[in-house]
PDB file of N, CA and C in Angstrom:
ATOM      1  N   MET A   1    -149.710  65.284 -80.862  1.00  0.00           N
ATOM      2  CA  MET A   1    -150.852  66.116 -81.511  1.00  0.00           C
ATOM      3  C   MET A   1    -151.916  65.480 -82.234  1.00  0.00           C
ATOM      4  N   ILE A   2    -151.957  64.196 -82.753  1.00  0.00           N
ATOM      5  CA  ILE A   2    -152.739  63.346 -83.423  1.00  0.00           C
ATOM      6  C   ILE A   2    -153.802  63.430 -82.610  1.00  0.00           C
ATOM      7  N   PHE A   3    -153.544  62.947 -81.178  1.00  0.00           N
ATOM      8  CA  PHE A   3    -154.906  63.001 -80.249  1.00  0.00           C
ATOM      9  C   PHE A   3    -155.760  64.143 -80.397  1.00  0.00           C
ATOM     10  N   GLU A   4    -154.962  65.267 -80.247  1.00  0.00           N
ATOM     11  CA  GLU A   4    -155.337  66.712 -79.847  1.00  0.00           C
ATOM     12  C   GLU A   4    -156.372  66.882 -81.122  1.00  0.00           C
ATOM     13  N   TRP A   5    -155.916  66.571 -82.456  1.00  0.00           N
ATOM     14  CA  TRP A   5    -156.711  66.735 -83.408  1.00  0.00           C
ATOM     15  C   TRP A   5    -157.952  66.022 -83.523  1.00  0.00           C
ATOM     16  N   ILE A   6    -157.761  64.726 -83.517  1.00  0.00           N
ATOM     17  CA  ILE A   6    -158.793  63.829 -83.148  1.00  0.00           C
ATOM     18  C   ILE A   6    -160.036  64.346 -82.113  1.00  0.00           C
ATOM     19  N   ASN A   7    -159.406  64.620 -81.041  1.00  0.00           N
ATOM     20  CA  ASN A   7    -160.597  65.122 -79.975  1.00  0.00           C
ATOM     21  C   ASN A   7    -160.845  66.384 -80.164  1.00  0.00           C
ATOM     22  N   LEU A   8    -160.664  67.220 -80.918  1.00  0.00           N
ATOM     23  CA  LEU A   8    -160.974  68.711 -81.446  1.00  0.00           C
ATOM     24  C   LEU A   8    -162.119  68.291 -82.593  1.00  0.00           C
ATOM     25  N   GLY A   9    -161.788  67.498 -83.436  1.00  0.00           N
ATOM     26  CA  GLY A   9    -162.993  66.885 -84.470  1.00  0.00           C
ATOM     27  C   GLY A   9    -164.160  66.460 -83.522  1.00  0.00           C
ATOM     28  N   PHE A  10    -164.014  65.982 -82.838  1.00  0.00           N
ATOM     29  CA  PHE A  10    -164.988  65.301 -81.717  1.00  0.00           C
ATOM     30  C   PHE A  10    -165.880  66.566 -81.338  1.00  0.00           C
ATOM     31  N   ASN A  11    -165.004  67.242 -80.540  1.00  0.00           N
ATOM     32  CA  ASN A  11    -165.671  68.470 -79.858  1.00  0.00           C
ATOM     33  C   ASN A  11    -166.362  69.252 -80.950  1.00  0.00           C
ATOM     34  N   LEU A  12    -165.926  69.344 -82.121  1.00  0.00           N
ATOM     35  CA  LEU A  12    -166.456  70.525 -82.991  1.00  0.00           C
ATOM     36  C   LEU A  12    -167.806  69.762 -83.343  1.00  0.00           C
ATOM     37  N   ALA A  13    -168.037  68.466 -83.497  1.00  0.00           N
ATOM     38  CA  ALA A  13    -169.260  68.139 -84.035  1.00  0.00           C
ATOM     39  C   ALA A  13    -170.338  68.423 -82.806  1.00  0.00           C
ATOM     40  N   ASP A  14    -169.946  68.730 -81.738  1.00  0.00           N
ATOM     41  CA  ASP A  14    -170.905  68.674 -80.645  1.00  0.00           C
ATOM     42  C   ASP A  14    -171.980  69.845 -80.598  1.00  0.00           C
ATOM     43  N   GLY A  15    -171.865  70.997 -81.444  1.00  0.00           N
ATOM     44  CA  GLY A  15    -172.567  72.163 -81.723  1.00  0.00           C
ATOM     45  C   GLY A  15    -172.395  73.258 -80.487  1.00  0.00           C
ATOM     46  N   HIS A  16    -171.291  74.011 -80.334  1.00  0.00           N
ATOM     47  CA  HIS A  16    -170.674  74.559 -79.531  1.00  0.00           C
ATOM     48  C   HIS A  16    -171.165  76.144 -80.035  1.00  0.00           C
ATOM     49  N   PRO A  17    -171.119  77.317 -78.908  1.00  0.00           N
ATOM     50  CA  PRO A  17    -171.075  78.616 -79.403  1.00  0.00           C
ATOM     51  C   PRO A  17    -170.054  79.137 -80.426  1.00  0.00           C
ATOM     52  N   THR A  18    -170.628  80.055 -81.305  1.00  0.00           N
ATOM     53  CA  THR A  18    -169.531  80.802 -82.096  1.00  0.00           C
ATOM     54  C   THR A  18    -167.984  80.862 -81.480  1.00  0.00           C
ATOM     55  N   ALA A  19    -168.080  81.446 -80.141  1.00  0.00           N
ATOM     56  CA  ALA A  19    -166.748  81.857 -79.700  1.00  0.00           C
ATOM     57  C   ALA A  19    -165.810  80.465 -79.540  1.00  0.00           C
ATOM     58  N   PHE A  20    -166.565  79.144 -79.414  1.00  0.00           N
ATOM     59  CA  PHE A  20    -165.638  78.217 -79.277  1.00  0.00           C
ATOM     60  C   PHE A  20    -164.968  77.663 -80.568  1.00  0.00           C
ATOM     61  N   TYR A  21    -165.873  78.024 -81.796  1.00  0.00           N
ATOM     62  CA  TYR A  21    -165.151  77.819 -83.073  1.00  0.00           C
ATOM     63  C   TYR A  21    -164.194  78.899 -83.487  1.00  0.00           C
ATOM     64  N   VAL A  22    -164.367  80.072 -82.852  1.00  0.00           N
ATOM     65  CA  VAL A  22    -163.470  81.120 -83.404  1.00  0.00           C
ATOM     66  C   VAL A  22    -162.081  80.942 -82.626  1.00  0.00           C
ATOM     67  N   VAL A  23    -162.192  80.399 -81.275  1.00  0.00           N
ATOM     68  CA  VAL A  23    -160.864  80.384 -80.392  1.00  0.00           C
ATOM     69  C   VAL A  23    -160.313  79.241 -81.097  1.00  0.00           C
ATOM     70  N   HIS A  24    -161.003  77.947 -81.403  1.00  0.00           N
ATOM     71  CA  HIS A  24    -160.041  76.982 -81.814  1.00  0.00           C
ATOM     72  C   HIS A  24    -159.754  77.114 -83.335  1.00  0.00           C
ATOM     73  N   GLY A  25    -160.296  77.886 -83.910  1.00  0.00           N
ATOM     74  CA  GLY A  25    -159.798  78.168 -85.443  1.00  0.00           C
ATOM     75  C   GLY A  25    -158.386  78.994 -85.318  1.00  0.00           C
ATOM     76  N   VAL A  26    -158.332  79.815 -84.046  1.00  0.00           N
ATOM     77  CA  VAL A  26    -157.182  80.789 -83.906  1.00  0.00           C
ATOM     78  C   VAL A  26    -156.284  79.852 -83.737  1.00  0.00           C
ATOM     79  N   LEU A  27    -156.588  78.796 -82.898  1.00  0.00           N
ATOM     80  CA  LEU A  27    -155.542  77.765 -82.286  1.00  0.00           C
ATOM     81  C   LEU A  27    -154.953  77.001 -83.611  1.00  0.00           C
ATOM     82  N   ILE A  28    -155.832  76.473 -84.039  1.00  0.00           N
ATOM     83  CA  ILE A  28    -155.413  75.650 -85.212  1.00  0.00           C
ATOM     84  C   ILE A  28    -154.602  76.422 -86.274  1.00  0.00           C
ATOM     85  N   ALA A  29    -154.742  77.786 -86.588  1.00  0.00           N
ATOM     86  CA  ALA A  29    -154.006  78.563 -87.541  1.00  0.00           C
ATOM     87  C   ALA A  29    -152.407  78.573 -86.818  1.00  0.00           C
ATOM     88  N   VAL A  30    -152.494  79.147 -85.692  1.00  0.00           N
ATOM     89  CA  VAL A  30    -151.264  79.307 -84.796  1.00  0.00           C
ATOM     90  C   VAL A  30    -150.598  77.937 -85.002  1.00  0.00           C
ATOM     91  N   ASN A  31    -151.157  76.946 -84.542  1.00  0.00           N
ATOM     92  CA  ASN A  31    -150.541  75.591 -84.685  1.00  0.00           C
ATOM     93  C   ASN A  31    -149.839  75.355 -86.160  1.00  0.00           C
ATOM     94  N   ILE A  32    -150.832  75.558 -86.967  1.00  0.00           N
ATOM     95  CA  ILE A  32    -150.175  75.193 -88.491  1.00  0.00           C
ATOM     96  C   ILE A  32    -148.972  76.299 -88.915  1.00  0.00           C
ATOM     97  N   ILE A  33    -149.004  77.633 -88.483  1.00  0.00           N
ATOM     98  CA  ILE A  33    -147.851  78.481 -88.739  1.00  0.00           C
ATOM     99  C   ILE A  33    -146.890  77.949 -88.178  1.00  0.00           C
ATOM    100  N   LEU A  34    -146.872  77.492 -86.675  1.00  0.00           N
ATOM    101  CA  LEU A  34    -145.681  77.363 -85.921  1.00  0.00           C
ATOM    102  C   LEU A  34    -145.076  75.665 -86.646  1.00  0.00           C
ATOM    103  N   ALA A  35    -145.748  75.199 -87.097  1.00  0.00           N
ATOM    104  CA  ALA A  35    -145.405  73.731 -87.709  1.00  0.00           C
ATOM    105  C   ALA A  35    -144.665  74.262 -89.039  1.00  0.00           C
ATOM    106  N   LEU A  36    -145.164  75.018 -89.763  1.00  0.00           N
ATOM    107  CA  LEU A  36    -144.539  75.620 -91.166  1.00  0.00           C
ATOM    108  C   LEU A  36    -143.198  76.166 -90.655  1.00  0.00           C
ATOM    109  N   VAL A  37    -143.129  76.972 -89.608  1.00  0.00           N
ATOM    110  CA  VAL A  37    -141.715  77.604 -89.300  1.00  0.00           C
ATOM    111  C   VAL A  37    -140.967  76.632 -88.845  1.00  0.00           C
ATOM    112  N   LEU A  38    -141.215  75.890 -88.135  1.00  0.00           N
ATOM    113  CA  LEU A  38    -140.221  74.764 -87.432  1.00  0.00           C
ATOM    114  C   LEU A  38    -139.732  73.769 -88.633  1.00  0.00           C
ATOM    115  N   ALA A  39    -140.455  73.402 -89.594  1.00  0.00           N
ATOM    116  CA  ALA A  39    -140.327  72.672 -90.901  1.00  0.00           C
ATOM    117  C   ALA A  39    -139.308  73.377 -91.533  1.00  0.00           C
ATOM    118  N   ALA A  40    -139.421  74.705 -92.007  1.00  0.00           N
ATOM    119  CA  ALA A  40    -138.543  75.412 -92.450  1.00  0.00           C
ATOM    120  C   ALA A  40    -137.101  75.449 -91.988  1.00  0.00           C
ATOM    121  N   VAL A  41    -137.411  75.725 -90.557  1.00  0.00           N
ATOM    122  CA  VAL A  41    -136.186  75.641 -89.793  1.00  0.00           C
ATOM    123  C   VAL A  41    -135.340  74.211 -89.924  1.00  0.00           C
ATOM    124  N   GLY A  42    -136.045  73.123 -89.943  1.00  0.00           N
ATOM    125  CA  GLY A  42    -135.380  72.059 -90.115  1.00  0.00           C
ATOM    126  C   GLY A  42    -134.857  71.576 -91.359  1.00  0.00           C
ATOM    127  N   VAL A  43    -135.713  72.181 -92.455  1.00  0.00           N
ATOM    128  CA  VAL A  43    -134.933  71.738 -93.592  1.00  0.00           C
ATOM    129  C   VAL A  43    -133.665  72.660 -93.966  1.00  0.00           C
ATOM    130  N   ARG A  44    -133.640  73.965 -93.352  1.00  0.00           N
ATOM    131  CA  ARG A  44    -132.488  74.674 -93.456  1.00  0.00           C
ATOM    132  C   ARG A  44    -131.313  73.963 -92.665  1.00  0.00           C
ATOM    133  N   GLY A  45    -131.728  73.571 -91.598  1.00  0.00           N
ATOM    134  CA  GLY A  45    -130.525  73.121 -91.001  1.00  0.00           C
ATOM    135  C   GLY A  45    -130.265  71.627 -91.329  1.00  0.00           C
ATOM    136  N   TRP A  46    -131.142  70.859 -91.968  1.00  0.00           N
ATOM    137  CA  TRP A  46    -130.560  69.829 -92.689  1.00  0.00           C
ATOM    138  C   TRP A  46    -129.837  69.817 -94.066  1.00  0.00           C
ATOM    139  N   LYS A  47    -130.142  70.916 -94.689  1.00  0.00           N
ATOM    140  CA  LYS A  47    -129.488  71.173 -95.910  1.00  0.00           C
ATOM    141  C   LYS A  47    -127.990  71.645 -95.499  1.00  0.00           C
ATOM    142  N   ALA A  48    -128.082  72.482 -94.460  1.00  0.00           N
ATOM    143  CA  ALA A  48    -126.715  73.185 -94.190  1.00  0.00           C
ATOM    144  C   ALA A  48    -125.817  72.093 -93.575  1.00  0.00           C
ATOM    145  N   GLY A  49    -126.359  71.016 -92.753  1.00  0.00           N
ATOM    146  CA  GLY A  49    -125.596  69.885 -92.427  1.00  0.00           C
ATOM    147  C   GLY A  49    -125.043  68.931 -93.719  1.00  0.00           C
ATOM    148  N   ARG A  50    -125.905  68.924 -94.609  1.00  0.00           N
ATOM    149  CA  ARG A  50    -125.041  67.979 -95.713  1.00  0.00           C
ATOM    150  C   ARG A  50    -124.016  68.711 -96.668  1.00  0.00           C
ATOM    151  N   ALA A  51    -123.925  70.014 -96.419  1.00  0.00           N
ATOM    152  CA  ALA A  51    -123.110  70.964 -97.202  1.00  0.00           C
ATOM    153  C   ALA A  51    -121.807  70.879 -96.729  1.00  0.00           C
TER     154      ALA A  51
END
């Protein structure tokens, strides 16, 4: 994922049409939401395993 974020940063600097930014903005938002959900599931599982 680190490579993808770095690559996206370089691609966004190229001056693309608005649709490009909208699509990638949605992809970033979905990626962040999924990361938060998976982190919450992981924390709950970790806490349940310790108890």
